[in-house]
Amino acid sequence: MAQISVTIGAVALIGFIVWWFFGKHQVASGTAKLQGETQSIAIKVLGGYTPEHVVLRRGVPAVLTFTRSDPSSCLDRVVFPDFGINQALPQGEPQAITIDTSKPGTYTWACGMDMFHGQLVIE
């Protein structure tokens, strides 16, 4: 009886691991709001980024404001490799990051350890 319980538990664990790493997960998406002549969006940093998919208008100055409430040292930086940005995110303090929106395309950002990611689309 113990062998059956262990086998069922192992199969359930394998199924969970496959779902976690290979399953489709819902991604929070957001579009920057136009305020005057600047577009802006707030991004929460807690176990990842919310939203993690951001849409910006091309040619309109953009500000992404990251607020980190996660105590993990992994999320204490945000890196935009295509823009040469590597910004510290002190816990509990909003950090505004200006993005050059002159070139349309899809860009990524990540935490300092490259474990958590986000996507920036300039249309």
PDB file of N, CA and C in Angstrom:
ATOM      1  N   MET A   1       0.819  -1.188   0.000  1.00  0.00           N
ATOM      2  CA  MET A   1       0.000   0.000   0.000  1.00  0.00           C
ATOM      3  C   MET A   1       0.873   1.266   0.000  1.00  0.00           C
ATOM      4  N   ALA A   2       1.975   1.223   0.739  1.00  0.00           N
ATOM      5  CA  ALA A   2       2.878   2.380   0.799  1.00  0.00           C
ATOM      6  C   ALA A   2       3.500   2.658  -0.566  1.00  0.00           C
ATOM      7  N   GLN A   3       3.817   1.598  -1.322  1.00  0.00           N
ATOM      8  CA  GLN A   3       4.416   1.779  -2.641  1.00  0.00           C
ATOM      9  C   GLN A   3       3.443   2.469  -3.600  1.00  0.00           C
ATOM     10  N   ILE A   4       2.171   2.141  -3.492  1.00  0.00           N
ATOM     11  CA  ILE A   4       1.167   2.761  -4.353  1.00  0.00           C
ATOM     12  C   ILE A   4       1.048   4.248  -4.009  1.00  0.00           C
ATOM     13  N   SER A   5       1.042   4.563  -2.727  1.00  0.00           N
ATOM     14  CA  SER A   5       0.944   5.965  -2.304  1.00  0.00           C
ATOM     15  C   SER A   5       2.152   6.767  -2.782  1.00  0.00           C
ATOM     16  N   VAL A   6       3.332   6.194  -2.660  1.00  0.00           N
ATOM     17  CA  VAL A   6       4.544   6.869  -3.098  1.00  0.00           C
ATOM     18  C   VAL A   6       4.521   7.064  -4.613  1.00  0.00           C
ATOM     19  N   THR A   7       4.090   6.063  -5.354  1.00  0.00           N
ATOM     20  CA  THR A   7       4.023   6.148  -6.814  1.00  0.00           C
ATOM     21  C   THR A   7       3.029   7.228  -7.255  1.00  0.00           C
ATOM     22  N   ILE A   8       1.870   7.263  -6.628  1.00  0.00           N
ATOM     23  CA  ILE A   8       0.861   8.282  -6.961  1.00  0.00           C
ATOM     24  C   ILE A   8       1.407   9.674  -6.638  1.00  0.00           C
ATOM     25  N   GLY A   9       2.047   9.821  -5.490  1.00  0.00           N
ATOM     26  CA  GLY A   9       2.636  11.108  -5.121  1.00  0.00           C
ATOM     27  C   GLY A   9       3.715  11.541  -6.093  1.00  0.00           C
ATOM     28  N   ALA A  10       4.554  10.598  -6.517  1.00  0.00           N
ATOM     29  CA  ALA A  10       5.635  10.917  -7.461  1.00  0.00           C
ATOM     30  C   ALA A  10       5.074  11.344  -8.810  1.00  0.00           C
ATOM     31  N   VAL A  11       4.051  10.654  -9.293  1.00  0.00           N
ATOM     32  CA  VAL A  11       3.438  11.010 -10.576  1.00  0.00           C
ATOM     33  C   VAL A  11       2.788  12.397 -10.483  1.00  0.00           C
ATOM     34  N   ALA A  12       2.122  12.679  -9.374  1.00  0.00           N
ATOM     35  CA  ALA A  12       1.507  14.003  -9.179  1.00  0.00           C
ATOM     36  C   ALA A  12       2.576  15.091  -9.152  1.00  0.00           C
ATOM     37  N   LEU A  13       3.682  14.848  -8.473  1.00  0.00           N
ATOM     38  CA  LEU A  13       4.774  15.824  -8.408  1.00  0.00           C
ATOM     39  C   LEU A  13       5.389  16.068  -9.785  1.00  0.00           C
ATOM     40  N   ILE A  14       5.596  15.023 -10.549  1.00  0.00           N
ATOM     41  CA  ILE A  14       6.134  15.166 -11.905  1.00  0.00           C
ATOM     42  C   ILE A  14       5.169  15.968 -12.770  1.00  0.00           C
ATOM     43  N   GLY A  15       3.882  15.683 -12.656  1.00  0.00           N
ATOM     44  CA  GLY A  15       2.876  16.440 -13.408  1.00  0.00           C
ATOM     45  C   GLY A  15       2.896  17.916 -13.048  1.00  0.00           C
ATOM     46  N   PHE A  16       3.029  18.225 -11.768  1.00  0.00           N
ATOM     47  CA  PHE A  16       3.094  19.621 -11.326  1.00  0.00           C
ATOM     48  C   PHE A  16       4.332  20.312 -11.885  1.00  0.00           C
ATOM     49  N   ILE A  17       5.456  19.643 -11.850  1.00  0.00           N
ATOM     50  CA  ILE A  17       6.701  20.224 -12.361  1.00  0.00           C
ATOM     51  C   ILE A  17       6.590  20.492 -13.869  1.00  0.00           C
ATOM     52  N   VAL A  18       6.027  19.574 -14.608  1.00  0.00           N
ATOM     53  CA  VAL A  18       5.845  19.766 -16.050  1.00  0.00           C
ATOM     54  C   VAL A  18       4.932  20.955 -16.299  1.00  0.00           C
ATOM     55  N   TRP A  19       3.826  21.051 -15.559  1.00  0.00           N
ATOM     56  CA  TRP A  19       2.907  22.182 -15.714  1.00  0.00           C
ATOM     57  C   TRP A  19       3.614  23.495 -15.368  1.00  0.00           C
ATOM     58  N   TRP A  20       4.360  23.524 -14.286  1.00  0.00           N
ATOM     59  CA  TRP A  20       5.019  24.755 -13.821  1.00  0.00           C
ATOM     60  C   TRP A  20       6.011  25.298 -14.852  1.00  0.00           C
ATOM     61  N   PHE A  21       6.822  24.417 -15.433  1.00  0.00           N
ATOM     62  CA  PHE A  21       7.864  24.867 -16.343  1.00  0.00           C
ATOM     63  C   PHE A  21       7.430  24.950 -17.799  1.00  0.00           C
ATOM     64  N   PHE A  22       6.466  24.153 -18.231  1.00  0.00           N
ATOM     65  CA  PHE A  22       6.126  24.097 -19.647  1.00  0.00           C
ATOM     66  C   PHE A  22       4.698  24.527 -19.959  1.00  0.00           C
ATOM     67  N   GLY A  23       3.872  24.685 -18.942  1.00  0.00           N
ATOM     68  CA  GLY A  23       2.481  25.071 -19.170  1.00  0.00           C
ATOM     69  C   GLY A  23       2.346  26.538 -19.532  1.00  0.00           C
ATOM     70  N   LYS A  24       1.239  26.872 -20.171  1.00  0.00           N
ATOM     71  CA  LYS A  24       0.940  28.267 -20.512  1.00  0.00           C
ATOM     72  C   LYS A  24       0.380  28.939 -19.271  1.00  0.00           C
ATOM     73  N   HIS A  25       0.983  30.042 -18.872  1.00  0.00           N
ATOM     74  CA  HIS A  25       0.537  30.794 -17.709  1.00  0.00           C
ATOM     75  C   HIS A  25       0.053  32.159 -18.167  1.00  0.00           C
ATOM     76  N   GLN A  26      -0.965  32.659 -17.497  1.00  0.00           N
ATOM     77  CA  GLN A  26      -1.501  33.963 -17.850  1.00  0.00           C
ATOM     78  C   GLN A  26      -0.477  35.053 -17.514  1.00  0.00           C
ATOM     79  N   VAL A  27      -0.290  35.965 -18.431  1.00  0.00           N
ATOM     80  CA  VAL A  27       0.677  37.048 -18.268  1.00  0.00           C
ATOM     81  C   VAL A  27      -0.090  38.351 -18.073  1.00  0.00           C
ATOM     82  N   ALA A  28       0.251  39.089 -17.019  1.00  0.00           N
ATOM     83  CA  ALA A  28      -0.371  40.393 -16.786  1.00  0.00           C
ATOM     84  C   ALA A  28       0.178  41.373 -17.813  1.00  0.00           C
ATOM     85  N   SER A  29      -0.735  42.090 -18.470  1.00  0.00           N
ATOM     86  CA  SER A  29      -0.349  43.023 -19.510  1.00  0.00           C
ATOM     87  C   SER A  29      -0.887  44.404 -19.180  1.00  0.00           C
ATOM     88  N   GLY A  30      -0.155  45.432 -19.601  1.00  0.00           N
ATOM     89  CA  GLY A  30      -0.596  46.799 -19.361  1.00  0.00           C
ATOM     90  C   GLY A  30      -0.137  47.728 -20.462  1.00  0.00           C
ATOM     91  N   THR A  31      -0.945  48.747 -20.718  1.00  0.00           N
ATOM     92  CA  THR A  31      -0.605  49.773 -21.691  1.00  0.00           C
ATOM     93  C   THR A  31      -0.363  51.073 -20.940  1.00  0.00           C
ATOM     94  N   ALA A  32       0.701  51.753 -21.287  1.00  0.00           N
ATOM     95  CA  ALA A  32       1.032  53.017 -20.618  1.00  0.00           C
ATOM     96  C   ALA A  32      -0.061  54.042 -20.873  1.00  0.00           C
ATOM     97  N   LYS A  33      -0.308  54.867 -19.861  1.00  0.00           N
ATOM     98  CA  LYS A  33      -1.309  55.926 -19.970  1.00  0.00           C
ATOM     99  C   LYS A  33      -0.627  57.236 -20.322  1.00  0.00           C
ATOM    100  N   LEU A  34      -1.251  57.966 -21.230  1.00  0.00           N
ATOM    101  CA  LEU A  34      -0.722  59.253 -21.660  1.00  0.00           C
ATOM    102  C   LEU A  34      -1.118  60.316 -20.649  1.00  0.00           C
ATOM    103  N   GLN A  35      -0.124  61.010 -20.097  1.00  0.00           N
ATOM    104  CA  GLN A  35      -0.332  62.101 -19.146  1.00  0.00           C
ATOM    105  C   GLN A  35       0.424  63.307 -19.670  1.00  0.00           C
ATOM    106  N   GLY A  36      -0.306  64.234 -20.263  1.00  0.00           N
ATOM    107  CA  GLY A  36       0.356  65.359 -20.907  1.00  0.00           C
ATOM    108  C   GLY A  36       1.076  64.866 -22.146  1.00  0.00           C
ATOM    109  N   GLU A  37       2.372  65.115 -22.211  1.00  0.00           N
ATOM    110  CA  GLU A  37       3.161  64.671 -23.366  1.00  0.00           C
ATOM    111  C   GLU A  37       4.045  63.474 -23.036  1.00  0.00           C
ATOM    112  N   THR A  38       3.750  62.809 -21.917  1.00  0.00           N
ATOM    113  CA  THR A  38       4.530  61.647 -21.478  1.00  0.00           C
ATOM    114  C   THR A  38       3.587  60.473 -21.225  1.00  0.00           C
ATOM    115  N   GLN A  39       4.050  59.277 -21.545  1.00  0.00           N
ATOM    116  CA  GLN A  39       3.283  58.088 -21.195  1.00  0.00           C
ATOM    117  C   GLN A  39       3.965  57.420 -20.013  1.00  0.00           C
ATOM    118  N   SER A  40       3.148  56.858 -19.125  1.00  0.00           N
ATOM    119  CA  SER A  40       3.733  56.240 -17.938  1.00  0.00           C
ATOM    120  C   SER A  40       2.924  55.027 -17.520  1.00  0.00           C
ATOM    121  N   ILE A  41       3.602  54.153 -16.793  1.00  0.00           N
ATOM    122  CA  ILE A  41       2.962  52.957 -16.248  1.00  0.00           C
ATOM    123  C   ILE A  41       3.693  52.563 -14.963  1.00  0.00           C
ATOM    124  N   ALA A  42       2.923  52.102 -13.991  1.00  0.00           N
ATOM    125  CA  ALA A  42       3.483  51.636 -12.714  1.00  0.00           C
ATOM    126  C   ALA A  42       3.630  50.122 -12.775  1.00  0.00           C
ATOM    127  N   ILE A  43       4.770  49.623 -12.326  1.00  0.00           N
ATOM    128  CA  ILE A  43       5.050  48.189 -12.322  1.00  0.00           C
ATOM    129  C   ILE A  43       5.376  47.766 -10.900  1.00  0.00           C
ATOM    130  N   LYS A  44       4.615  46.799 -10.385  1.00  0.00           N
ATOM    131  CA  LYS A  44       4.856  46.258  -9.044  1.00  0.00           C
ATOM    132  C   LYS A  44       5.879  45.141  -9.143  1.00  0.00           C
ATOM    133  N   VAL A  45       6.796  45.123  -8.191  1.00  0.00           N
ATOM    134  CA  VAL A  45       7.824  44.088  -8.156  1.00  0.00           C
ATOM    135  C   VAL A  45       7.608  43.274  -6.882  1.00  0.00           C
ATOM    136  N   LEU A  46       6.991  42.110  -7.052  1.00  0.00           N
ATOM    137  CA  LEU A  46       6.694  41.218  -5.932  1.00  0.00           C
ATOM    138  C   LEU A  46       6.591  39.803  -6.478  1.00  0.00           C
ATOM    139  N   GLY A  47       7.657  39.043  -6.334  1.00  0.00           N
ATOM    140  CA  GLY A  47       7.672  37.684  -6.882  1.00  0.00           C
ATOM    141  C   GLY A  47       7.661  37.686  -8.398  1.00  0.00           C
ATOM    142  N   GLY A  48       8.065  38.757  -9.000  1.00  0.00           N
ATOM    143  CA  GLY A  48       8.036  38.957 -10.446  1.00  0.00           C
ATOM    144  C   GLY A  48       7.593  40.381 -10.728  1.00  0.00           C
ATOM    145  N   TYR A  49       7.107  40.618 -11.934  1.00  0.00           N
ATOM    146  CA  TYR A  49       6.688  41.955 -12.341  1.00  0.00           C
ATOM    147  C   TYR A  49       5.214  41.950 -12.725  1.00  0.00           C
ATOM    148  N   THR A  50       4.478  42.960 -12.276  1.00  0.00           N
ATOM    149  CA  THR A  50       3.071  43.097 -12.625  1.00  0.00           C
ATOM    150  C   THR A  50       2.814  44.527 -13.041  1.00  0.00           C
ATOM    151  N   PRO A  51       2.465  44.783 -14.286  1.00  0.00           N
ATOM    152  CA  PRO A  51       2.384  43.822 -15.382  1.00  0.00           C
ATOM    153  C   PRO A  51       3.782  43.449 -15.891  1.00  0.00           C
ATOM    154  N   GLU A  52       3.855  42.312 -16.523  1.00  0.00           N
ATOM    155  CA  GLU A  52       5.145  41.886 -17.065  1.00  0.00           C
ATOM    156  C   GLU A  52       5.191  42.046 -18.588  1.00  0.00           C
ATOM    157  N   HIS A  53       4.102  42.486 -19.179  1.00  0.00           N
ATOM    158  CA  HIS A  53       4.044  42.805 -20.612  1.00  0.00           C
ATOM    159  C   HIS A  53       3.507  44.226 -20.719  1.00  0.00           C
ATOM    160  N   VAL A  54       4.332  45.155 -21.232  1.00  0.00           N
ATOM    161  CA  VAL A  54       3.982  46.569 -21.279  1.00  0.00           C
ATOM    162  C   VAL A  54       4.019  47.046 -22.727  1.00  0.00           C
ATOM    163  N   VAL A  55       2.977  47.796 -23.104  1.00  0.00           N
ATOM    164  CA  VAL A  55       2.895  48.347 -24.454  1.00  0.00           C
ATOM    165  C   VAL A  55       3.052  49.862 -24.378  1.00  0.00           C
ATOM    166  N   LEU A  56       3.962  50.401 -25.213  1.00  0.00           N
ATOM    167  CA  LEU A  56       4.226  51.839 -25.285  1.00  0.00           C
ATOM    168  C   LEU A  56       4.010  52.333 -26.711  1.00  0.00           C
ATOM    169  N   ARG A  57       3.679  53.617 -26.829  1.00  0.00           N
ATOM    170  CA  ARG A  57       3.558  54.239 -28.149  1.00  0.00           C
ATOM    171  C   ARG A  57       4.920  54.734 -28.608  1.00  0.00           C
ATOM    172  N   ARG A  58       5.188  54.530 -29.863  1.00  0.00           N
ATOM    173  CA  ARG A  58       6.460  54.982 -30.449  1.00  0.00           C
ATOM    174  C   ARG A  58       6.487  56.512 -30.488  1.00  0.00           C
ATOM    175  N   GLY A  59       7.652  57.081 -30.148  1.00  0.00           N
ATOM    176  CA  GLY A  59       7.878  58.503 -30.270  1.00  0.00           C
ATOM    177  C   GLY A  59       7.349  59.357 -29.134  1.00  0.00           C
ATOM    178  N   VAL A  60       6.692  58.747 -28.152  1.00  0.00           N
ATOM    179  CA  VAL A  60       6.181  59.495 -27.002  1.00  0.00           C
ATOM    180  C   VAL A  60       7.073  59.162 -25.806  1.00  0.00           C
ATOM    181  N   PRO A  61       7.674  60.165 -25.149  1.00  0.00           N
ATOM    182  CA  PRO A  61       8.537  59.878 -24.000  1.00  0.00           C
ATOM    183  C   PRO A  61       7.811  58.988 -22.982  1.00  0.00           C
ATOM    184  N   ALA A  62       8.522  57.992 -22.457  1.00  0.00           N
ATOM    185  CA  ALA A  62       7.901  57.017 -21.561  1.00  0.00           C
ATOM    186  C   ALA A  62       8.660  56.885 -20.252  1.00  0.00           C
ATOM    187  N   VAL A  63       7.901  56.714 -19.176  1.00  0.00           N
ATOM    188  CA  VAL A  63       8.475  56.487 -17.857  1.00  0.00           C
ATOM    189  C   VAL A  63       7.822  55.246 -17.260  1.00  0.00           C
ATOM    190  N   LEU A  64       8.649  54.271 -16.894  1.00  0.00           N
ATOM    191  CA  LEU A  64       8.190  53.083 -16.187  1.00  0.00           C
ATOM    192  C   LEU A  64       8.589  53.259 -14.733  1.00  0.00           C
ATOM    193  N   THR A  65       7.629  53.173 -13.822  1.00  0.00           N
ATOM    194  CA  THR A  65       7.919  53.344 -12.403  1.00  0.00           C
ATOM    195  C   THR A  65       7.812  51.994 -11.711  1.00  0.00           C
ATOM    196  N   PHE A  66       8.956  51.476 -11.279  1.00  0.00           N
ATOM    197  CA  PHE A  66       9.028  50.189 -10.588  1.00  0.00           C
ATOM    198  C   PHE A  66       8.977  50.432  -9.085  1.00  0.00           C
ATOM    199  N   THR A  67       8.106  49.712  -8.395  1.00  0.00           N
ATOM    200  CA  THR A  67       8.051  49.765  -6.935  1.00  0.00           C
ATOM    201  C   THR A  67       8.227  48.349  -6.411  1.00  0.00           C
ATOM    202  N   ARG A  68       9.345  48.131  -5.741  1.00  0.00           N
ATOM    203  CA  ARG A  68       9.687  46.783  -5.245  1.00  0.00           C
ATOM    204  C   ARG A  68       9.256  46.639  -3.798  1.00  0.00           C
ATOM    205  N   SER A  69       8.389  45.651  -3.549  1.00  0.00           N
ATOM    206  CA  SER A  69       8.036  45.309  -2.178  1.00  0.00           C
ATOM    207  C   SER A  69       8.561  43.918  -1.817  1.00  0.00           C
ATOM    208  N   ASP A  70       9.189  43.261  -2.768  1.00  0.00           N
ATOM    209  CA  ASP A  70       9.760  41.932  -2.557  1.00  0.00           C
ATOM    210  C   ASP A  70      11.120  42.061  -1.864  1.00  0.00           C
ATOM    211  N   PRO A  71      11.338  41.336  -0.761  1.00  0.00           N
ATOM    212  CA  PRO A  71      12.616  41.444  -0.055  1.00  0.00           C
ATOM    213  C   PRO A  71      13.765  40.674  -0.727  1.00  0.00           C
ATOM    214  N   SER A  72      13.468  39.885  -1.741  1.00  0.00           N
ATOM    215  CA  SER A  72      14.475  39.057  -2.395  1.00  0.00           C
ATOM    216  C   SER A  72      15.561  39.908  -3.052  1.00  0.00           C
ATOM    217  N   SER A  73      16.810  39.503  -2.852  1.00  0.00           N
ATOM    218  CA  SER A  73      17.911  40.228  -3.485  1.00  0.00           C
ATOM    219  C   SER A  73      17.925  40.016  -4.998  1.00  0.00           C
ATOM    220  N   CYS A  74      17.262  38.979  -5.480  1.00  0.00           N
ATOM    221  CA  CYS A  74      17.188  38.739  -6.929  1.00  0.00           C
ATOM    222  C   CYS A  74      16.494  39.894  -7.633  1.00  0.00           C
ATOM    223  N   LEU A  75      15.486  40.464  -6.993  1.00  0.00           N
ATOM    224  CA  LEU A  75      14.692  41.517  -7.627  1.00  0.00           C
ATOM    225  C   LEU A  75      15.141  42.926  -7.247  1.00  0.00           C
ATOM    226  N   ASP A  76      16.353  43.060  -6.716  1.00  0.00           N
ATOM    227  CA  ASP A  76      16.796  44.388  -6.289  1.00  0.00           C
ATOM    228  C   ASP A  76      17.396  45.226  -7.419  1.00  0.00           C
ATOM    229  N   ARG A  77      17.390  44.692  -8.639  1.00  0.00           N
ATOM    230  CA  ARG A  77      17.843  45.442  -9.819  1.00  0.00           C
ATOM    231  C   ARG A  77      16.915  45.095 -10.977  1.00  0.00           C
ATOM    232  N   VAL A  78      16.809  46.018 -11.916  1.00  0.00           N
ATOM    233  CA  VAL A  78      16.114  45.736 -13.168  1.00  0.00           C
ATOM    234  C   VAL A  78      17.065  46.108 -14.298  1.00  0.00           C
ATOM    235  N   VAL A  79      17.147  45.227 -15.298  1.00  0.00           N
ATOM    236  CA  VAL A  79      18.113  45.385 -16.384  1.00  0.00           C
ATOM    237  C   VAL A  79      17.368  45.383 -17.724  1.00  0.00           C
ATOM    238  N   PHE A  80      17.580  46.437 -18.492  1.00  0.00           N
ATOM    239  CA  PHE A  80      17.091  46.542 -19.867  1.00  0.00           C
ATOM    240  C   PHE A  80      18.322  46.503 -20.770  1.00  0.00           C
ATOM    241  N   PRO A  81      18.745  45.322 -21.216  1.00  0.00           N
ATOM    242  CA  PRO A  81      20.003  45.235 -21.958  1.00  0.00           C
ATOM    243  C   PRO A  81      20.014  46.042 -23.253  1.00  0.00           C
ATOM    244  N   ASP A  82      18.874  46.146 -23.944  1.00  0.00           N
ATOM    245  CA  ASP A  82      18.830  46.867 -25.211  1.00  0.00           C
ATOM    246  C   ASP A  82      18.939  48.384 -25.043  1.00  0.00           C
ATOM    247  N   PHE A  83      18.684  48.865 -23.829  1.00  0.00           N
ATOM    248  CA  PHE A  83      18.739  50.300 -23.570  1.00  0.00           C
ATOM    249  C   PHE A  83      19.933  50.686 -22.688  1.00  0.00           C
ATOM    250  N   GLY A  84      20.744  49.703 -22.300  1.00  0.00           N
ATOM    251  CA  GLY A  84      21.900  49.974 -21.452  1.00  0.00           C
ATOM    252  C   GLY A  84      21.520  50.411 -20.045  1.00  0.00           C
ATOM    253  N   ILE A  85      20.375  49.920 -19.554  1.00  0.00           N
ATOM    254  CA  ILE A  85      19.893  50.309 -18.227  1.00  0.00           C
ATOM    255  C   ILE A  85      20.099  49.155 -17.255  1.00  0.00           C
ATOM    256  N   ASN A  86      20.713  49.462 -16.112  1.00  0.00           N
ATOM    257  CA  ASN A  86      20.887  48.513 -15.017  1.00  0.00           C
ATOM    258  C   ASN A  86      20.627  49.315 -13.740  1.00  0.00           C
ATOM    259  N   GLN A  87      19.383  49.329 -13.296  1.00  0.00           N
ATOM    260  CA  GLN A  87      18.932  50.233 -12.239  1.00  0.00           C
ATOM    261  C   GLN A  87      18.644  49.479 -10.937  1.00  0.00           C
ATOM    262  N   ALA A  88      19.152  50.007  -9.830  1.00  0.00           N
ATOM    263  CA  ALA A  88      18.835  49.451  -8.509  1.00  0.00           C
ATOM    264  C   ALA A  88      17.379  49.777  -8.175  1.00  0.00           C
ATOM    265  N   LEU A  89      16.720  48.838  -7.493  1.00  0.00           N
ATOM    266  CA  LEU A  89      15.340  49.031  -7.040  1.00  0.00           C
ATOM    267  C   LEU A  89      15.289  48.879  -5.524  1.00  0.00           C
ATOM    268  N   PRO A  90      15.513  49.967  -4.790  1.00  0.00           N
ATOM    269  CA  PRO A  90      15.436  49.875  -3.330  1.00  0.00           C
ATOM    270  C   PRO A  90      14.027  49.473  -2.906  1.00  0.00           C
ATOM    271  N   GLN A  91      13.952  48.645  -1.896  1.00  0.00           N
ATOM    272  CA  GLN A  91      12.659  48.142  -1.431  1.00  0.00           C
ATOM    273  C   GLN A  91      11.797  49.283  -0.891  1.00  0.00           C
ATOM    274  N   GLY A  92      10.544  49.344  -1.371  1.00  0.00           N
ATOM    275  CA  GLY A  92       9.587  50.324  -0.884  1.00  0.00           C
ATOM    276  C   GLY A  92       9.697  51.710  -1.486  1.00  0.00           C
ATOM    277  N   GLU A  93      10.635  51.909  -2.408  1.00  0.00           N
ATOM    278  CA  GLU A  93      10.814  53.232  -3.017  1.00  0.00           C
ATOM    279  C   GLU A  93      10.555  53.152  -4.521  1.00  0.00           C
ATOM    280  N   PRO A  94       9.620  53.958  -5.040  1.00  0.00           N
ATOM    281  CA  PRO A  94       9.383  53.969  -6.490  1.00  0.00           C
ATOM    282  C   PRO A  94      10.628  54.451  -7.238  1.00  0.00           C
ATOM    283  N   GLN A  95      10.960  53.767  -8.313  1.00  0.00           N
ATOM    284  CA  GLN A  95      12.102  54.137  -9.148  1.00  0.00           C
ATOM    285  C   GLN A  95      11.612  54.364 -10.572  1.00  0.00           C
ATOM    286  N   ALA A  96      11.720  55.585 -11.044  1.00  0.00           N
ATOM    287  CA  ALA A  96      11.289  55.927 -12.397  1.00  0.00           C
ATOM    288  C   ALA A  96      12.422  55.672 -13.381  1.00  0.00           C
ATOM    289  N   ILE A  97      12.095  54.996 -14.466  1.00  0.00           N
ATOM    290  CA  ILE A  97      13.067  54.698 -15.509  1.00  0.00           C
ATOM    291  C   ILE A  97      12.516  55.230 -16.829  1.00  0.00           C
ATOM    292  N   THR A  98      13.287  56.089 -17.470  1.00  0.00           N
ATOM    293  CA  THR A  98      12.884  56.666 -18.744  1.00  0.00           C
ATOM    294  C   THR A  98      13.327  55.742 -19.875  1.00  0.00           C
ATOM    295  N   ILE A  99      12.400  55.480 -20.794  1.00  0.00           N
ATOM    296  CA  ILE A  99      12.657  54.579 -21.913  1.00  0.00           C
ATOM    297  C   ILE A  99      12.618  55.365 -23.220  1.00  0.00           C
ATOM    298  N   ASP A 100      13.602  55.125 -24.078  1.00  0.00           N
ATOM    299  CA  ASP A 100      13.645  55.726 -25.410  1.00  0.00           C
ATOM    300  C   ASP A 100      12.667  54.964 -26.309  1.00  0.00           C
ATOM    301  N   THR A 101      11.633  55.632 -26.773  1.00  0.00           N
ATOM    302  CA  THR A 101      10.606  54.970 -27.590  1.00  0.00           C
ATOM    303  C   THR A 101      10.735  55.301 -29.079  1.00  0.00           C
ATOM    304  N   SER A 102      11.906  55.732 -29.504  1.00  0.00           N
ATOM    305  CA  SER A 102      12.073  56.138 -30.905  1.00  0.00           C
ATOM    306  C   SER A 102      12.104  54.961 -31.876  1.00  0.00           C
ATOM    307  N   LYS A 103      12.456  53.770 -31.403  1.00  0.00           N
ATOM    308  CA  LYS A 103      12.548  52.597 -32.285  1.00  0.00           C
ATOM    309  C   LYS A 103      11.495  51.568 -31.893  1.00  0.00           C
ATOM    310  N   PRO A 104      10.565  51.252 -32.807  1.00  0.00           N
ATOM    311  CA  PRO A 104       9.571  50.234 -32.480  1.00  0.00           C
ATOM    312  C   PRO A 104      10.218  48.860 -32.363  1.00  0.00           C
ATOM    313  N   GLY A 105       9.578  47.989 -31.616  1.00  0.00           N
ATOM    314  CA  GLY A 105      10.095  46.636 -31.478  1.00  0.00           C
ATOM    315  C   GLY A 105       9.691  46.023 -30.155  1.00  0.00           C
ATOM    316  N   THR A 106      10.157  44.819 -29.943  1.00  0.00           N
ATOM    317  CA  THR A 106       9.894  44.088 -28.711  1.00  0.00           C
ATOM    318  C   THR A 106      11.210  43.947 -27.965  1.00  0.00           C
ATOM    319  N   TYR A 107      11.215  44.386 -26.724  1.00  0.00           N
ATOM    320  CA  TYR A 107      12.414  44.378 -25.897  1.00  0.00           C
ATOM    321  C   TYR A 107      12.105  43.649 -24.594  1.00  0.00           C
ATOM    322  N   THR A 108      13.140  43.184 -23.930  1.00  0.00           N
ATOM    323  CA  THR A 108      12.933  42.490 -22.658  1.00  0.00           C
ATOM    324  C   THR A 108      13.640  43.221 -21.533  1.00  0.00           C
ATOM    325  N   TRP A 109      13.178  42.932 -20.323  1.00  0.00           N
ATOM    326  CA  TRP A 109      13.896  43.352 -19.132  1.00  0.00           C
ATOM    327  C   TRP A 109      13.940  42.163 -18.202  1.00  0.00           C
ATOM    328  N   ALA A 110      14.840  42.201 -17.234  1.00  0.00           N
ATOM    329  CA  ALA A 110      15.006  41.083 -16.309  1.00  0.00           C
ATOM    330  C   ALA A 110      15.519  41.597 -14.973  1.00  0.00           C
ATOM    331  N   CYS A 111      15.432  40.732 -13.985  1.00  0.00           N
ATOM    332  CA  CYS A 111      16.023  41.054 -12.685  1.00  0.00           C
ATOM    333  C   CYS A 111      17.540  40.924 -12.815  1.00  0.00           C
ATOM    334  N   GLY A 112      18.251  41.301 -11.800  1.00  0.00           N
ATOM    335  CA  GLY A 112      19.704  41.255 -11.828  1.00  0.00           C
ATOM    336  C   GLY A 112      20.273  39.857 -12.020  1.00  0.00           C
ATOM    337  N   MET A 113      19.526  38.828 -11.630  1.00  0.00           N
ATOM    338  CA  MET A 113      19.993  37.443 -11.769  1.00  0.00           C
ATOM    339  C   MET A 113      19.425  36.769 -13.018  1.00  0.00           C
ATOM    340  N   ASP A 114      18.668  37.519 -13.829  1.00  0.00           N
ATOM    341  CA  ASP A 114      18.065  37.016 -15.068  1.00  0.00           C
ATOM    342  C   ASP A 114      17.113  35.842 -14.816  1.00  0.00           C
ATOM    343  N   MET A 115      16.408  35.881 -13.679  1.00  0.00           N
ATOM    344  CA  MET A 115      15.448  34.820 -13.356  1.00  0.00           C
ATOM    345  C   MET A 115      14.010  35.258 -13.628  1.00  0.00           C
ATOM    346  N   PHE A 116      13.709  36.529 -13.429  1.00  0.00           N
ATOM    347  CA  PHE A 116      12.373  37.064 -13.664  1.00  0.00           C
ATOM    348  C   PHE A 116      12.457  38.025 -14.843  1.00  0.00           C
ATOM    349  N   HIS A 117      11.458  37.959 -15.725  1.00  0.00           N
ATOM    350  CA  HIS A 117      11.522  38.711 -16.972  1.00  0.00           C
ATOM    351  C   HIS A 117      10.250  39.505 -17.221  1.00  0.00           C
ATOM    352  N   GLY A 118      10.394  40.511 -18.056  1.00  0.00           N
ATOM    353  CA  GLY A 118       9.272  41.284 -18.555  1.00  0.00           C
ATOM    354  C   GLY A 118       9.513  41.600 -20.011  1.00  0.00           C
ATOM    355  N   GLN A 119       8.440  42.060 -20.666  1.00  0.00           N
ATOM    356  CA  GLN A 119       8.539  42.361 -22.080  1.00  0.00           C
ATOM    357  C   GLN A 119       7.966  43.742 -22.350  1.00  0.00           C
ATOM    358  N   LEU A 120       8.673  44.506 -23.159  1.00  0.00           N
ATOM    359  CA  LEU A 120       8.295  45.862 -23.509  1.00  0.00           C
ATOM    360  C   LEU A 120       8.069  45.907 -25.022  1.00  0.00           C
ATOM    361  N   VAL A 121       6.876  46.349 -25.439  1.00  0.00           N
ATOM    362  CA  VAL A 121       6.559  46.446 -26.857  1.00  0.00           C
ATOM    363  C   VAL A 121       6.346  47.920 -27.189  1.00  0.00           C
ATOM    364  N   ILE A 122       7.109  48.408 -28.149  1.00  0.00           N
ATOM    365  CA  ILE A 122       6.958  49.790 -28.615  1.00  0.00           C
ATOM    366  C   ILE A 122       6.319  49.722 -29.992  1.00  0.00           C
ATOM    367  N   GLU A 123       5.097  50.266 -30.083  1.00  0.00           N
ATOM    368  CA  GLU A 123       4.330  50.186 -31.345  1.00  0.00           C
ATOM    369  C   GLU A 123       4.339  51.510 -32.066  1.00  0.00           C
TER     370      GLU A 123
END
